[in-house]
N, C-alpha and C. Protein backbone atom coordinates (compact mmCIF):
# COMPACT_ATOMS: atom_id res chain seq x y z
N MET A 1 11.58 9.74 -11.68
CA MET A 1 10.36 9.16 -10.67
C MET A 1 11.58 8.50 -9.90
N ALA A 2 10.73 8.71 -8.53
CA ALA A 2 11.51 7.62 -7.34
C ALA A 2 11.42 6.01 -7.24
N THR A 3 12.37 5.28 -7.11
CA THR A 3 12.23 3.64 -7.19
C THR A 3 11.42 3.93 -6.09
N ARG A 4 10.67 2.36 -6.00
CA ARG A 4 9.78 1.77 -4.86
C ARG A 4 10.90 1.27 -4.18
N PRO A 5 11.17 1.10 -2.88
CA PRO A 5 11.56 0.09 -2.03
C PRO A 5 11.17 -1.42 -2.28
N PHE A 6 9.96 -1.89 -2.86
CA PHE A 6 9.39 -2.95 -2.80
C PHE A 6 8.77 -3.28 -4.03
N ASP A 7 8.64 -4.33 -4.33
CA ASP A 7 7.18 -4.78 -5.74
C ASP A 7 6.17 -5.46 -5.03
N LEU A 8 5.12 -5.17 -5.46
CA LEU A 8 3.59 -5.26 -4.56
C LEU A 8 3.78 -6.53 -5.52
N GLN A 9 3.09 -7.80 -4.58
CA GLN A 9 2.98 -9.15 -4.47
C GLN A 9 1.60 -9.37 -5.20
N ARG A 10 0.61 -9.01 -4.06
CA ARG A 10 -0.75 -9.52 -4.06
C ARG A 10 -1.40 -9.43 -2.78
N LEU A 11 -2.71 -9.32 -3.01
CA LEU A 11 -3.71 -9.16 -1.54
C LEU A 11 -3.05 -9.81 -0.33
N ASP A 12 -2.52 -9.20 0.70
CA ASP A 12 -2.58 -9.90 1.92
C ASP A 12 -3.72 -10.09 2.83
N HIS A 13 -3.90 -9.35 2.66
CA HIS A 13 -5.33 -9.60 3.66
C HIS A 13 -6.69 -8.41 3.73
N VAL A 14 -8.11 -8.77 4.01
CA VAL A 14 -9.07 -7.40 4.16
C VAL A 14 -9.73 -7.56 5.29
N VAL A 15 -9.76 -6.75 6.19
CA VAL A 15 -10.50 -6.29 7.01
C VAL A 15 -11.93 -6.42 6.88
N LEU A 16 -12.94 -6.91 7.54
CA LEU A 16 -14.28 -6.76 7.38
C LEU A 16 -15.06 -6.21 8.45
N ARG A 17 -15.55 -5.30 9.12
CA ARG A 17 -16.16 -4.78 10.08
C ARG A 17 -17.70 -5.77 9.99
N VAL A 18 -18.17 -6.60 10.88
CA VAL A 18 -19.22 -7.06 11.27
C VAL A 18 -20.18 -7.40 12.48
N ARG A 19 -21.35 -7.69 12.37
CA ARG A 19 -22.15 -7.56 13.38
C ARG A 19 -22.24 -8.47 14.25
N ASP A 20 -22.03 -9.93 13.98
CA ASP A 20 -21.71 -11.45 14.72
C ASP A 20 -20.76 -11.64 14.62
N LEU A 21 -19.48 -12.00 15.02
CA LEU A 21 -18.59 -12.64 14.83
C LEU A 21 -18.78 -13.71 14.43
N ASP A 22 -19.67 -14.78 15.21
CA ASP A 22 -19.85 -16.47 15.25
C ASP A 22 -20.23 -16.62 13.89
N ARG A 23 -21.28 -15.79 13.71
CA ARG A 23 -22.18 -15.96 12.46
C ARG A 23 -21.42 -15.60 10.95
N SER A 24 -20.41 -14.52 11.28
CA SER A 24 -19.52 -14.28 10.28
C SER A 24 -18.67 -15.76 9.95
N GLU A 25 -17.73 -15.79 10.84
CA GLU A 25 -16.81 -17.27 10.86
C GLU A 25 -17.76 -18.29 10.54
N ALA A 26 -18.84 -18.50 11.03
CA ALA A 26 -19.43 -19.70 9.92
C ALA A 26 -19.75 -19.78 8.58
N PHE A 27 -20.37 -18.67 8.32
CA PHE A 27 -20.63 -18.29 7.10
C PHE A 27 -19.36 -18.41 5.63
N TYR A 28 -18.43 -18.04 6.60
CA TYR A 28 -16.96 -17.97 5.80
C TYR A 28 -16.11 -19.14 5.55
N ARG A 29 -16.36 -20.07 6.57
CA ARG A 29 -16.10 -21.15 6.93
C ARG A 29 -16.53 -22.33 6.05
N ALA A 30 -18.03 -22.42 6.41
CA ALA A 30 -18.94 -23.70 5.80
C ALA A 30 -18.92 -22.94 4.03
N LEU A 31 -19.40 -22.02 4.16
CA LEU A 31 -19.34 -21.51 2.34
C LEU A 31 -17.85 -21.35 1.57
N LEU A 32 -16.78 -21.19 2.06
CA LEU A 32 -15.53 -20.80 1.40
C LEU A 32 -14.92 -22.10 1.59
N GLY A 33 -14.94 -22.08 3.21
CA GLY A 33 -13.74 -23.38 3.45
C GLY A 33 -12.25 -22.57 4.45
N CYS A 34 -12.88 -21.40 4.74
CA CYS A 34 -11.91 -20.39 5.09
C CYS A 34 -11.44 -21.02 6.63
N GLU A 35 -10.20 -21.11 7.42
CA GLU A 35 -9.68 -21.67 8.64
C GLU A 35 -9.88 -20.35 9.16
N VAL A 36 -9.89 -20.35 10.49
CA VAL A 36 -9.38 -19.38 11.90
C VAL A 36 -7.80 -19.92 12.51
N VAL A 37 -7.25 -18.91 12.06
CA VAL A 37 -6.11 -19.56 12.10
C VAL A 37 -5.25 -18.64 13.49
N ARG A 38 -6.44 -17.51 13.99
CA ARG A 38 -5.95 -17.27 15.19
C ARG A 38 -6.88 -15.96 15.36
N ARG A 39 -7.27 -15.97 17.04
CA ARG A 39 -8.42 -15.41 17.68
C ARG A 39 -7.97 -14.17 18.30
N ARG A 40 -8.50 -13.04 18.31
CA ARG A 40 -8.04 -11.87 19.14
C ARG A 40 -9.22 -11.48 20.01
N ASP A 41 -9.75 -11.92 20.71
CA ASP A 41 -10.88 -11.90 21.42
C ASP A 41 -11.08 -10.92 22.26
N ASP A 42 -9.63 -9.98 22.44
CA ASP A 42 -9.33 -8.78 23.27
C ASP A 42 -9.69 -8.00 22.35
N LEU A 43 -9.46 -7.96 21.17
CA LEU A 43 -9.45 -6.55 20.14
C LEU A 43 -11.15 -7.24 19.44
N GLY A 44 -11.61 -8.17 19.55
CA GLY A 44 -13.24 -8.45 19.04
C GLY A 44 -12.60 -9.04 17.28
N LEU A 45 -11.57 -9.57 16.72
CA LEU A 45 -10.81 -9.95 15.55
C LEU A 45 -10.55 -11.31 15.70
N ARG A 46 -10.76 -12.13 14.69
CA ARG A 46 -10.61 -13.35 13.92
C ARG A 46 -9.41 -13.22 12.77
N HIS A 47 -8.99 -14.06 12.51
CA HIS A 47 -8.18 -14.32 11.23
C HIS A 47 -8.84 -15.58 10.76
N LEU A 48 -8.78 -15.12 9.12
CA LEU A 48 -9.31 -16.65 8.61
C LEU A 48 -8.52 -16.74 7.43
N ARG A 49 -8.05 -18.00 7.52
CA ARG A 49 -7.20 -18.18 6.02
C ARG A 49 -8.25 -18.64 5.09
N ALA A 50 -7.52 -17.68 4.03
CA ALA A 50 -8.42 -17.75 2.36
C ALA A 50 -7.60 -18.08 1.40
N GLY A 51 -7.05 -18.99 1.22
CA GLY A 51 -6.01 -19.58 0.37
C GLY A 51 -4.94 -19.08 0.87
N ALA A 52 -4.39 -18.09 0.16
CA ALA A 52 -2.92 -18.03 0.23
C ALA A 52 -3.21 -16.36 0.99
N SER A 53 -4.25 -16.12 0.86
CA SER A 53 -4.44 -14.30 1.66
C SER A 53 -5.37 -14.97 2.97
N MET A 54 -5.79 -13.79 3.39
CA MET A 54 -6.60 -13.89 4.77
C MET A 54 -7.58 -12.63 4.99
N ILE A 55 -8.66 -13.29 5.56
CA ILE A 55 -10.03 -12.22 5.58
C ILE A 55 -10.24 -12.25 7.02
N ASP A 56 -9.75 -11.00 7.37
CA ASP A 56 -9.98 -10.70 9.59
C ASP A 56 -11.61 -10.76 9.40
N LEU A 57 -12.04 -10.63 10.63
CA LEU A 57 -13.60 -10.46 11.19
C LEU A 57 -13.07 -9.37 11.86
N VAL A 58 -13.81 -8.56 12.06
CA VAL A 58 -13.38 -7.52 13.06
C VAL A 58 -14.88 -7.25 13.78
N ALA A 59 -15.62 -7.48 15.36
CA ALA A 59 -16.71 -7.17 15.50
C ALA A 59 -16.80 -5.41 15.66
N VAL A 60 -17.83 -4.85 14.98
CA VAL A 60 -18.37 -3.85 15.00
C VAL A 60 -18.34 -2.92 16.41
N ASP A 61 -18.61 -3.85 17.44
CA ASP A 61 -18.84 -3.23 19.17
C ASP A 61 -17.61 -4.24 19.95
N GLY A 62 -16.74 -4.57 19.20
CA GLY A 62 -15.27 -5.14 19.64
C GLY A 62 -14.06 -3.47 20.08
N LYS A 63 -12.86 -3.53 20.29
CA LYS A 63 -12.52 -2.64 20.21
C LYS A 63 -11.56 -1.77 19.23
N LEU A 64 -11.11 -3.00 18.35
CA LEU A 64 -11.24 -2.29 16.74
C LEU A 64 -12.57 -1.90 15.92
N GLY A 65 -13.49 -2.80 16.12
CA GLY A 65 -14.43 -2.28 15.20
C GLY A 65 -15.42 -0.78 15.80
N LEU A 66 -15.10 -0.57 17.16
CA LEU A 66 -15.60 0.67 17.47
C LEU A 66 -15.17 1.97 16.79
N ARG A 67 -14.16 2.21 16.20
CA ARG A 67 -13.39 3.31 15.42
C ARG A 67 -14.23 3.26 13.80
N GLY A 68 -14.90 2.29 14.11
CA GLY A 68 -15.61 2.32 11.96
C GLY A 68 -16.57 3.08 12.07
N GLY A 69 -17.57 3.22 13.41
CA GLY A 69 -18.51 3.81 13.05
C GLY A 69 -19.77 2.99 13.30
N ALA A 70 -20.55 3.26 12.58
CA ALA A 70 -21.94 2.42 12.28
C ALA A 70 -21.79 1.06 11.38
N ALA A 71 -22.11 0.14 11.90
CA ALA A 71 -22.06 -1.38 11.18
C ALA A 71 -22.30 -1.08 9.42
N ALA A 72 -22.06 -1.30 8.74
CA ALA A 72 -22.46 -1.97 7.30
C ALA A 72 -23.97 -1.68 7.31
N GLY A 73 -24.39 -0.95 6.19
CA GLY A 73 -25.89 -1.09 6.17
C GLY A 73 -26.54 -0.92 4.70
N ALA A 74 -28.00 -0.97 4.30
CA ALA A 74 -28.26 -0.04 3.42
C ALA A 74 -27.71 1.41 3.18
N GLU A 75 -27.50 2.20 3.98
CA GLU A 75 -27.27 3.17 4.21
C GLU A 75 -25.42 3.68 3.88
N GLY A 76 -24.53 2.51 3.63
CA GLY A 76 -23.55 2.96 3.30
C GLY A 76 -22.50 1.40 3.74
N ARG A 77 -21.49 1.08 3.27
CA ARG A 77 -20.90 -0.60 3.33
C ARG A 77 -19.08 -0.09 3.79
N ASN A 78 -19.18 -0.88 4.42
CA ASN A 78 -17.72 -1.31 4.63
C ASN A 78 -16.50 -0.96 3.02
N LEU A 79 -17.13 -1.87 2.09
CA LEU A 79 -16.11 -1.70 1.11
C LEU A 79 -17.18 -2.20 -0.01
N ASP A 80 -16.54 -2.22 -1.36
CA ASP A 80 -17.18 -2.48 -2.03
C ASP A 80 -17.73 -3.72 -2.59
N HIS A 81 -16.68 -4.19 -2.54
CA HIS A 81 -17.00 -5.89 -2.90
C HIS A 81 -15.42 -6.42 -2.64
N LEU A 82 -15.37 -7.74 -2.01
CA LEU A 82 -14.28 -8.81 -1.86
C LEU A 82 -13.98 -9.52 -2.94
N CYS A 83 -12.66 -9.89 -3.72
CA CYS A 83 -12.73 -11.06 -4.88
C CYS A 83 -11.77 -12.46 -4.66
N LEU A 84 -12.12 -12.83 -4.39
CA LEU A 84 -11.42 -14.13 -4.29
C LEU A 84 -11.43 -15.21 -5.52
N ARG A 85 -10.00 -15.60 -5.52
CA ARG A 85 -9.63 -16.22 -6.89
C ARG A 85 -9.64 -17.74 -6.57
N ILE A 86 -10.77 -18.62 -7.48
CA ILE A 86 -10.73 -19.68 -7.22
C ILE A 86 -10.53 -20.38 -8.55
N GLU A 87 -10.55 -21.81 -8.38
CA GLU A 87 -10.16 -22.68 -9.19
C GLU A 87 -10.61 -24.13 -8.74
N PRO A 88 -11.23 -24.80 -9.44
CA PRO A 88 -11.77 -24.59 -10.46
C PRO A 88 -12.98 -23.40 -10.90
N PHE A 89 -13.15 -23.06 -12.01
CA PHE A 89 -15.05 -22.15 -11.43
C PHE A 89 -15.95 -23.18 -12.94
N ASP A 90 -16.83 -23.46 -11.99
CA ASP A 90 -18.09 -24.60 -12.43
C ASP A 90 -19.03 -23.94 -12.51
N GLU A 91 -19.71 -22.86 -12.79
CA GLU A 91 -21.28 -21.87 -12.41
C GLU A 91 -21.91 -22.66 -11.71
N ALA A 92 -22.72 -24.10 -12.32
CA ALA A 92 -23.49 -24.60 -11.59
C ALA A 92 -23.37 -25.33 -10.39
N ALA A 93 -21.79 -26.02 -10.26
CA ALA A 93 -21.47 -26.33 -8.60
C ALA A 93 -21.73 -25.16 -7.69
N ILE A 94 -20.78 -24.14 -8.08
CA ILE A 94 -20.65 -23.29 -7.45
C ILE A 94 -22.63 -22.42 -6.80
N VAL A 95 -23.44 -22.87 -7.72
CA VAL A 95 -24.68 -22.23 -7.65
C VAL A 95 -25.19 -23.14 -6.79
N ALA A 96 -25.12 -24.67 -6.79
CA ALA A 96 -25.70 -25.80 -5.84
C ALA A 96 -25.13 -24.84 -4.68
N HIS A 97 -23.85 -25.01 -4.45
CA HIS A 97 -23.33 -24.78 -3.15
C HIS A 97 -23.88 -23.56 -2.74
N LEU A 98 -24.00 -22.44 -3.50
CA LEU A 98 -24.03 -20.77 -2.21
C LEU A 98 -26.03 -21.56 -2.19
N ALA A 99 -26.09 -22.37 -2.82
CA ALA A 99 -28.29 -22.60 -2.09
C ALA A 99 -28.38 -23.23 -0.95
N ARG A 100 -27.51 -24.26 -1.12
CA ARG A 100 -27.49 -25.44 0.01
C ARG A 100 -26.93 -24.16 1.29
N HIS A 101 -26.29 -23.10 1.10
CA HIS A 101 -26.21 -22.30 2.39
C HIS A 101 -26.83 -21.17 2.30
N GLY A 102 -28.14 -21.20 1.80
CA GLY A 102 -29.33 -20.32 1.86
C GLY A 102 -28.89 -18.79 0.87
N VAL A 103 -27.84 -18.71 -0.23
CA VAL A 103 -27.27 -17.62 -0.44
C VAL A 103 -27.64 -17.71 -2.28
N ALA A 104 -28.05 -16.77 -2.55
CA ALA A 104 -28.18 -16.33 -4.14
C ALA A 104 -27.20 -15.72 -4.60
N PRO A 105 -26.67 -16.12 -5.74
CA PRO A 105 -25.98 -15.06 -6.34
C PRO A 105 -26.42 -13.89 -7.22
N HIS A 106 -26.23 -12.77 -7.42
CA HIS A 106 -26.90 -11.47 -7.78
C HIS A 106 -27.01 -11.95 -9.06
N GLY A 107 -26.48 -12.65 -9.82
CA GLY A 107 -27.11 -13.16 -11.32
C GLY A 107 -26.04 -14.04 -11.77
N PRO A 108 -26.43 -14.19 -13.33
CA PRO A 108 -25.56 -15.72 -13.57
C PRO A 108 -24.02 -14.92 -13.81
N ALA A 109 -22.78 -15.37 -14.07
CA ALA A 109 -21.84 -15.36 -14.16
C ALA A 109 -21.35 -14.93 -15.23
N ALA A 110 -20.69 -14.20 -15.38
CA ALA A 110 -19.96 -12.61 -16.44
C ALA A 110 -18.84 -12.78 -16.28
N THR A 111 -18.58 -12.39 -17.40
CA THR A 111 -16.66 -12.11 -17.82
C THR A 111 -16.37 -11.30 -17.07
N ASN A 112 -15.25 -11.40 -16.28
CA ASN A 112 -14.75 -9.50 -15.60
C ASN A 112 -12.72 -9.38 -15.63
N PHE A 113 -12.59 -8.46 -15.45
CA PHE A 113 -11.23 -8.44 -15.25
C PHE A 113 -10.89 -8.55 -14.07
N GLY A 114 -9.62 -9.04 -13.62
CA GLY A 114 -9.31 -9.37 -12.58
C GLY A 114 -7.35 -9.19 -12.45
N ALA A 115 -6.81 -9.13 -11.82
CA ALA A 115 -5.27 -9.53 -11.62
C ALA A 115 -4.69 -10.38 -12.77
N GLU A 116 -5.56 -11.17 -13.52
CA GLU A 116 -4.80 -12.47 -14.20
C GLU A 116 -5.55 -12.16 -15.30
N GLY A 117 -6.32 -10.80 -15.45
CA GLY A 117 -6.95 -10.64 -16.57
C GLY A 117 -8.33 -10.82 -16.74
N ASN A 118 -9.53 -11.51 -17.88
CA ASN A 118 -10.94 -11.34 -17.79
C ASN A 118 -11.19 -12.92 -17.73
N GLY A 119 -12.09 -13.04 -16.78
CA GLY A 119 -12.62 -14.54 -16.31
C GLY A 119 -14.03 -14.78 -15.87
N LEU A 120 -14.19 -15.65 -15.67
CA LEU A 120 -15.94 -15.72 -15.08
C LEU A 120 -16.14 -15.36 -13.76
N SER A 121 -16.77 -14.53 -13.25
CA SER A 121 -17.24 -14.93 -11.74
C SER A 121 -18.10 -14.23 -11.69
N LEU A 122 -18.86 -14.70 -10.07
CA LEU A 122 -19.86 -14.72 -9.56
C LEU A 122 -19.76 -13.69 -8.76
N TYR A 123 -21.33 -12.82 -7.77
CA TYR A 123 -21.12 -12.29 -6.78
C TYR A 123 -22.36 -12.92 -6.00
N PHE A 124 -22.15 -12.69 -4.77
CA PHE A 124 -23.50 -12.62 -3.51
C PHE A 124 -22.97 -11.90 -2.84
N ASP A 125 -23.75 -12.29 -1.12
CA ASP A 125 -23.70 -11.36 -0.14
C ASP A 125 -23.44 -11.66 0.90
N ASP A 126 -22.35 -11.30 1.66
CA ASP A 126 -22.49 -12.24 3.12
C ASP A 126 -22.88 -11.50 4.11
N PRO A 127 -23.65 -12.40 5.25
CA PRO A 127 -24.56 -11.86 6.45
C PRO A 127 -24.55 -10.71 6.57
N ASP A 128 -23.30 -9.58 6.04
CA ASP A 128 -23.70 -8.40 6.93
C ASP A 128 -23.58 -7.35 5.72
N GLY A 129 -24.14 -8.11 4.69
CA GLY A 129 -23.99 -7.00 3.14
C GLY A 129 -22.74 -7.03 2.50
N ASN A 130 -21.61 -7.53 3.03
CA ASN A 130 -20.38 -7.32 2.22
C ASN A 130 -20.46 -8.00 0.82
N THR A 131 -20.64 -7.97 -0.23
CA THR A 131 -20.39 -8.48 -1.41
C THR A 131 -19.08 -9.21 -1.69
N VAL A 132 -19.51 -10.36 -1.77
CA VAL A 132 -18.25 -11.20 -2.25
C VAL A 132 -18.33 -12.04 -3.80
N GLU A 133 -16.78 -11.53 -4.28
CA GLU A 133 -17.05 -12.24 -6.00
C GLU A 133 -16.28 -13.18 -6.13
N LEU A 134 -16.56 -14.49 -6.37
CA LEU A 134 -15.67 -15.55 -6.60
C LEU A 134 -15.19 -15.40 -8.30
N LYS A 135 -14.15 -15.35 -8.75
CA LYS A 135 -13.36 -15.26 -9.63
C LYS A 135 -12.66 -16.77 -10.32
N GLY A 136 -12.98 -17.05 -11.35
CA GLY A 136 -12.29 -18.35 -11.78
C GLY A 136 -11.17 -18.00 -12.73
N PRO A 137 -10.57 -18.88 -13.40
CA PRO A 137 -9.26 -18.66 -14.15
C PRO A 137 -9.45 -17.53 -14.85
N SER A 138 -8.50 -16.90 -15.60
CA SER A 138 -8.46 -15.80 -16.77
C SER A 138 -8.93 -16.46 -18.05
N ALA A 139 -9.33 -16.06 -19.12
CA ALA A 139 -10.42 -17.31 -20.06
C ALA A 139 -8.67 -16.91 -21.33
């Protein structure tokens, strides 16, 4: 077996196709504390800092977004879900924070496996129906 010329480190970024860039940017900024670090209005693209990683938002009707076809909806999605590692994981505080932004989790926190092992997580949807998982430290 050939040796890879690299070592995989971590998720660098995920790109989400969205219907309304301003609405999605506001959602990720207000709810998760993401910051816009670069805008490419010519492409319909915004880069948001999400801790050590990035979430890129692409307008479905923009230059890049048009390549992906129809927007995500009941008949199809952009991806299954995006998992963001958070700390601390205080379920009551997280649920209250989501509620202040009009967002309800899919259900109570559950133990799920991730990059660091098993840990509690909560799932919810963004304005375009993309599922976001907030995952705490491993148990």
